[in-house]
Amino acid sequence: MRDGDIVDFRSTSSQFMELMTRERFVAFVRGTRLGVVATVDPAGNPEAALVGLAVTDAGELVFDAPSDARKMRNLRNDPRVAVVIGTDDAVSVQVEGSAEILAGADRAACGETYLSQFPGSRALDDGFSLVRIRPRWLRCYDARSEPARVAEGAGW
C-alpha cells in the first residue's frame, strides 16, 4: 500500500491505524470543537451550518441548536447528515450518518457530555435541542505529507 491510497476503516492496516482510530477521532473532534453540519430541507435543498461539536468516547458527535433552527426542522423531516470537521489545518474528517434529536435520558446523558466539552452552554435549556450523530461512513484526509494520506470506510 502506498501513501495516498484509500484504506478501508475496518482494515487492520498499520497505515490506517496511524491515520484514524476511534480514539484519535475522538481526540481530533475534542481538539477541533467545530464542524459544518449539512442537512436537507423538505424540498431537497441543502443547508449547512457551523456548529460546536462534542464527541462521546464511543465516537458519536453531539451538537445543540435552537429547537426552531432550520437544521432542526430539516432533521425532523430527514435525519441524514454530513459533517466536515477540521477546516483550519491540513487534516479534516468527513462524516456521514443519521442524526437523532434526543429526549429523556439520552438527552440528559449527551447533554452532560456536551456541557463537559462546552461549559456554560445552553444545550439543556428550554428551547434548545440536542442532536446525536452516529457515524456510518468516515473519510480522513491528511495533507501534511506528500502525497496526502486518505482513509475512508464504514464507521465504528
C-alpha atoms as a PDB file:
ATOM      1  CA  MET A   1       0.000   0.000   0.000  1.00  0.00           C
ATOM      2  CA  ARG A   2       1.286   3.460  -0.914  1.00  0.00           C
ATOM      3  CA  ASP A   3       0.653   6.834   0.728  1.00  0.00           C
ATOM      4  CA  GLY A   4      -2.368   8.364  -0.929  1.00  0.00           C
ATOM      5  CA  ASP A   5      -4.181   5.028  -1.233  1.00  0.00           C
ATOM      6  CA  ILE A   6      -7.686   4.786   0.162  1.00  0.00           C
ATOM      7  CA  VAL A   7      -7.859   2.485   3.180  1.00  0.00           C
ATOM      8  CA  ASP A   8     -10.971   0.689   4.467  1.00  0.00           C
ATOM      9  CA  PHE A   9     -11.827   1.834   8.027  1.00  0.00           C
ATOM     10  CA  ARG A  10     -12.327  -1.782   9.138  1.00  0.00           C
ATOM     11  CA  SER A  11      -8.852  -2.695   7.963  1.00  0.00           C
ATOM     12  CA  THR A  12      -6.118  -3.550  10.434  1.00  0.00           C
ATOM     13  CA  SER A  13      -3.545  -1.812   8.251  1.00  0.00           C
ATOM     14  CA  SER A  14      -0.853  -0.121  10.314  1.00  0.00           C
ATOM     15  CA  GLN A  15      -1.051   2.863   7.952  1.00  0.00           C
ATOM     16  CA  PHE A  16      -4.752   3.219   8.661  1.00  0.00           C
ATOM     17  CA  MET A  17      -4.250   2.798  12.394  1.00  0.00           C
ATOM     18  CA  GLU A  18      -1.748   5.655  12.256  1.00  0.00           C
ATOM     19  CA  LEU A  19      -4.230   7.835  10.414  1.00  0.00           C
ATOM     20  CA  MET A  20      -7.527   7.446  12.291  1.00  0.00           C
ATOM     21  CA  THR A  21      -8.661   5.161  15.070  1.00  0.00           C
ATOM     22  CA  ARG A  22     -11.807   5.812  17.091  1.00  0.00           C
ATOM     23  CA  GLU A  23      -9.631   7.163  19.899  1.00  0.00           C
ATOM     24  CA  ARG A  24      -7.811   9.503  17.507  1.00  0.00           C
ATOM     25  CA  PHE A  25     -11.149  10.580  16.014  1.00  0.00           C
ATOM     26  CA  VAL A  26     -12.445  11.427  19.500  1.00  0.00           C
ATOM     27  CA  ALA A  27      -9.260  13.370  20.309  1.00  0.00           C
ATOM     28  CA  PHE A  28      -9.404  15.154  16.932  1.00  0.00           C
ATOM     29  CA  VAL A  29     -13.014  16.288  17.432  1.00  0.00           C
ATOM     30  CA  ARG A  30     -12.316  17.388  21.009  1.00  0.00           C
ATOM     31  CA  GLY A  31      -9.328  19.387  19.809  1.00  0.00           C
ATOM     32  CA  THR A  32     -11.142  20.925  16.849  1.00  0.00           C
ATOM     33  CA  ARG A  33     -14.533  21.565  18.539  1.00  0.00           C
ATOM     34  CA  LEU A  34     -16.193  22.979  15.402  1.00  0.00           C
ATOM     35  CA  GLY A  35     -17.681  21.427  12.310  1.00  0.00           C
ATOM     36  CA  VAL A  36     -20.030  22.153   9.449  1.00  0.00           C
ATOM     37  CA  VAL A  37     -23.244  20.123   9.576  1.00  0.00           C
ATOM     38  CA  ALA A  38     -25.165  19.727   6.322  1.00  0.00           C
ATOM     39  CA  THR A  39     -28.857  18.796   6.240  1.00  0.00           C
ATOM     40  CA  VAL A  40     -31.527  18.692   3.548  1.00  0.00           C
ATOM     41  CA  ASP A  41     -34.779  20.661   3.665  1.00  0.00           C
ATOM     42  CA  PRO A  42     -38.133  19.114   2.675  1.00  0.00           C
ATOM     43  CA  ALA A  43     -37.748  20.457  -0.890  1.00  0.00           C
ATOM     44  CA  GLY A  44     -34.339  18.758  -1.219  1.00  0.00           C
ATOM     45  CA  ASN A  45     -32.268  21.922  -0.847  1.00  0.00           C
ATOM     46  CA  PRO A  46     -29.012  21.721   1.141  1.00  0.00           C
ATOM     47  CA  GLU A  47     -28.401  23.721   4.297  1.00  0.00           C
ATOM     48  CA  ALA A  48     -25.038  23.871   6.068  1.00  0.00           C
ATOM     49  CA  ALA A  49     -24.196  25.429   9.404  1.00  0.00           C
ATOM     50  CA  LEU A  50     -21.110  25.775  11.560  1.00  0.00           C
ATOM     51  CA  VAL A  51     -21.763  24.214  14.977  1.00  0.00           C
ATOM     52  CA  GLY A  52     -19.907  23.386  18.143  1.00  0.00           C
ATOM     53  CA  LEU A  53     -19.267  19.634  18.167  1.00  0.00           C
ATOM     54  CA  ALA A  54     -18.800  17.485  21.229  1.00  0.00           C
ATOM     55  CA  VAL A  55     -17.992  13.789  20.939  1.00  0.00           C
ATOM     56  CA  THR A  56     -18.662  10.797  23.161  1.00  0.00           C
ATOM     57  CA  ASP A  57     -15.967   8.242  23.938  1.00  0.00           C
ATOM     58  CA  ALA A  58     -17.848   5.929  21.523  1.00  0.00           C
ATOM     59  CA  GLY A  59     -17.256   8.387  18.655  1.00  0.00           C
ATOM     60  CA  GLU A  60     -20.785   9.813  18.468  1.00  0.00           C
ATOM     61  CA  LEU A  61     -20.987  13.507  17.581  1.00  0.00           C
ATOM     62  CA  VAL A  62     -23.243  15.783  19.634  1.00  0.00           C
ATOM     63  CA  PHE A  63     -24.346  19.343  18.897  1.00  0.00           C
ATOM     64  CA  ASP A  64     -27.037  21.698  20.130  1.00  0.00           C
ATOM     65  CA  ALA A  65     -29.210  24.209  18.335  1.00  0.00           C
ATOM     66  CA  PRO A  66     -32.312  26.283  18.985  1.00  0.00           C
ATOM     67  CA  SER A  67     -35.289  23.962  18.533  1.00  0.00           C
ATOM     68  CA  ASP A  68     -36.730  26.212  15.822  1.00  0.00           C
ATOM     69  CA  ALA A  69     -33.498  26.445  13.781  1.00  0.00           C
ATOM     70  CA  ARG A  70     -33.650  25.421  10.116  1.00  0.00           C
ATOM     71  CA  LYS A  71     -31.332  22.486  10.697  1.00  0.00           C
ATOM     72  CA  MET A  72     -33.666  21.150  13.388  1.00  0.00           C
ATOM     73  CA  ARG A  73     -36.700  21.437  11.119  1.00  0.00           C
ATOM     74  CA  ASN A  74     -34.707  19.664   8.408  1.00  0.00           C
ATOM     75  CA  LEU A  75     -33.649  16.851  10.756  1.00  0.00           C
ATOM     76  CA  ARG A  76     -37.211  16.266  11.910  1.00  0.00           C
ATOM     77  CA  ASN A  77     -38.064  15.643   8.250  1.00  0.00           C
ATOM     78  CA  ASP A  78     -34.890  13.765   7.162  1.00  0.00           C
ATOM     79  CA  PRO A  79     -32.261  12.526   9.658  1.00  0.00           C
ATOM     80  CA  ARG A  80     -29.443  12.131   7.106  1.00  0.00           C
ATOM     81  CA  VAL A  81     -26.461  14.419   7.752  1.00  0.00           C
ATOM     82  CA  ALA A  82     -22.965  15.104   6.534  1.00  0.00           C
ATOM     83  CA  VAL A  83     -20.353  16.796   8.710  1.00  0.00           C
ATOM     84  CA  VAL A  84     -16.910  18.230   7.956  1.00  0.00           C
ATOM     85  CA  ILE A  85     -14.557  18.634  10.915  1.00  0.00           C
ATOM     86  CA  GLY A  86     -11.234  20.424  10.634  1.00  0.00           C
ATOM     87  CA  THR A  87     -11.181  23.473   8.421  1.00  0.00           C
ATOM     88  CA  ASP A  88      -8.039  25.333   9.517  1.00  0.00           C
ATOM     89  CA  ASP A  89      -5.353  22.646   9.358  1.00  0.00           C
ATOM     90  CA  ALA A  90      -4.148  20.146   6.814  1.00  0.00           C
ATOM     91  CA  VAL A  91      -6.281  17.390   8.386  1.00  0.00           C
ATOM     92  CA  SER A  92     -10.020  17.041   8.008  1.00  0.00           C
ATOM     93  CA  VAL A  93     -12.600  14.351   8.616  1.00  0.00           C
ATOM     94  CA  GLN A  94     -15.852  13.953   6.722  1.00  0.00           C
ATOM     95  CA  VAL A  95     -18.659  12.065   8.452  1.00  0.00           C
ATOM     96  CA  GLU A  96     -21.961  10.817   7.105  1.00  0.00           C
ATOM     97  CA  GLY A  97     -24.620   9.324   9.325  1.00  0.00           C
ATOM     98  CA  SER A  98     -28.032   9.617  10.858  1.00  0.00           C
ATOM     99  CA  ALA A  99     -28.962  12.311  13.323  1.00  0.00           C
ATOM    100  CA  GLU A 100     -31.237  11.747  16.272  1.00  0.00           C
ATOM    101  CA  ILE A 101     -32.917  14.592  18.144  1.00  0.00           C
ATOM    102  CA  LEU A 102     -32.583  13.479  21.741  1.00  0.00           C
ATOM    103  CA  ALA A 103     -35.145  13.329  24.520  1.00  0.00           C
ATOM    104  CA  GLY A 104     -35.326  11.918  28.036  1.00  0.00           C
ATOM    105  CA  ALA A 105     -32.353  10.028  29.484  1.00  0.00           C
ATOM    106  CA  ASP A 106     -30.391  10.166  26.192  1.00  0.00           C
ATOM    107  CA  ARG A 107     -30.739  13.966  26.129  1.00  0.00           C
ATOM    108  CA  ALA A 108     -29.575  14.209  29.734  1.00  0.00           C
ATOM    109  CA  ALA A 109     -26.572  11.923  29.179  1.00  0.00           C
ATOM    110  CA  CYS A 110     -25.466  13.568  25.923  1.00  0.00           C
ATOM    111  CA  GLY A 111     -26.192  16.970  27.467  1.00  0.00           C
ATOM    112  CA  GLU A 112     -23.683  16.227  30.215  1.00  0.00           C
ATOM    113  CA  THR A 113     -21.152  15.178  27.575  1.00  0.00           C
ATOM    114  CA  TYR A 114     -21.786  18.400  25.659  1.00  0.00           C
ATOM    115  CA  LEU A 115     -21.572  20.569  28.784  1.00  0.00           C
ATOM    116  CA  SER A 116     -18.299  18.911  29.821  1.00  0.00           C
ATOM    117  CA  GLN A 117     -16.787  19.986  26.488  1.00  0.00           C
ATOM    118  CA  PHE A 118     -18.648  23.319  26.231  1.00  0.00           C
ATOM    119  CA  PRO A 119     -19.088  24.598  29.807  1.00  0.00           C
ATOM    120  CA  GLY A 120     -21.800  27.231  30.107  1.00  0.00           C
ATOM    121  CA  SER A 121     -23.645  26.046  27.007  1.00  0.00           C
ATOM    122  CA  ARG A 122     -27.416  26.403  26.833  1.00  0.00           C
ATOM    123  CA  ALA A 123     -27.727  22.860  25.407  1.00  0.00           C
ATOM    124  CA  LEU A 124     -30.149  21.673  28.102  1.00  0.00           C
ATOM    125  CA  ASP A 125     -32.153  24.914  28.304  1.00  0.00           C
ATOM    126  CA  ASP A 126     -35.762  25.085  27.192  1.00  0.00           C
ATOM    127  CA  GLY A 127     -35.928  25.993  23.543  1.00  0.00           C
ATOM    128  CA  PHE A 128     -32.742  24.117  22.663  1.00  0.00           C
ATOM    129  CA  SER A 129     -32.399  20.658  21.186  1.00  0.00           C
ATOM    130  CA  LEU A 130     -29.518  18.200  21.352  1.00  0.00           C
ATOM    131  CA  VAL A 131     -28.606  16.052  18.365  1.00  0.00           C
ATOM    132  CA  ARG A 132     -26.520  12.876  18.317  1.00  0.00           C
ATOM    133  CA  ILE A 133     -24.916  11.667  15.092  1.00  0.00           C
ATOM    134  CA  ARG A 134     -23.766   8.069  14.799  1.00  0.00           C
ATOM    135  CA  PRO A 135     -21.165   7.951  12.020  1.00  0.00           C
ATOM    136  CA  ARG A 136     -21.762   5.256   9.410  1.00  0.00           C
ATOM    137  CA  TRP A 137     -19.079   6.486   6.955  1.00  0.00           C
ATOM    138  CA  LEU A 138     -15.928   8.497   7.541  1.00  0.00           C
ATOM    139  CA  ARG A 139     -13.137   9.901   5.418  1.00  0.00           C
ATOM    140  CA  CYS A 140      -9.933  11.235   6.901  1.00  0.00           C
ATOM    141  CA  TYR A 141      -7.769  13.464   4.722  1.00  0.00           C
ATOM    142  CA  ASP A 142      -4.259  14.283   5.921  1.00  0.00           C
ATOM    143  CA  ALA A 143      -2.381  16.686   3.643  1.00  0.00           C
ATOM    144  CA  ARG A 144       0.600  17.134   5.954  1.00  0.00           C
ATOM    145  CA  SER A 145       2.595  14.745   3.771  1.00  0.00           C
ATOM    146  CA  GLU A 146       3.082  14.498   0.014  1.00  0.00           C
ATOM    147  CA  PRO A 147       1.123  12.768  -1.320  1.00  0.00           C
ATOM    148  CA  ALA A 148      -1.795  13.281   1.033  1.00  0.00           C
ATOM    149  CA  ARG A 149      -2.984  10.264   3.021  1.00  0.00           C
ATOM    150  CA  VAL A 150      -6.623   9.275   2.812  1.00  0.00           C
ATOM    151  CA  ALA A 151      -8.626   6.659   4.736  1.00  0.00           C
ATOM    152  CA  GLU A 152     -12.333   6.070   4.302  1.00  0.00           C
ATOM    153  CA  GLY A 153     -14.955   3.498   5.052  1.00  0.00           C
ATOM    154  CA  ALA A 154     -17.656   2.376   7.447  1.00  0.00           C
ATOM    155  CA  GLY A 155     -17.848   3.896  10.918  1.00  0.00           C
ATOM    156  CA  TRP A 156     -17.331   2.029  14.141  1.00  0.00           C
END
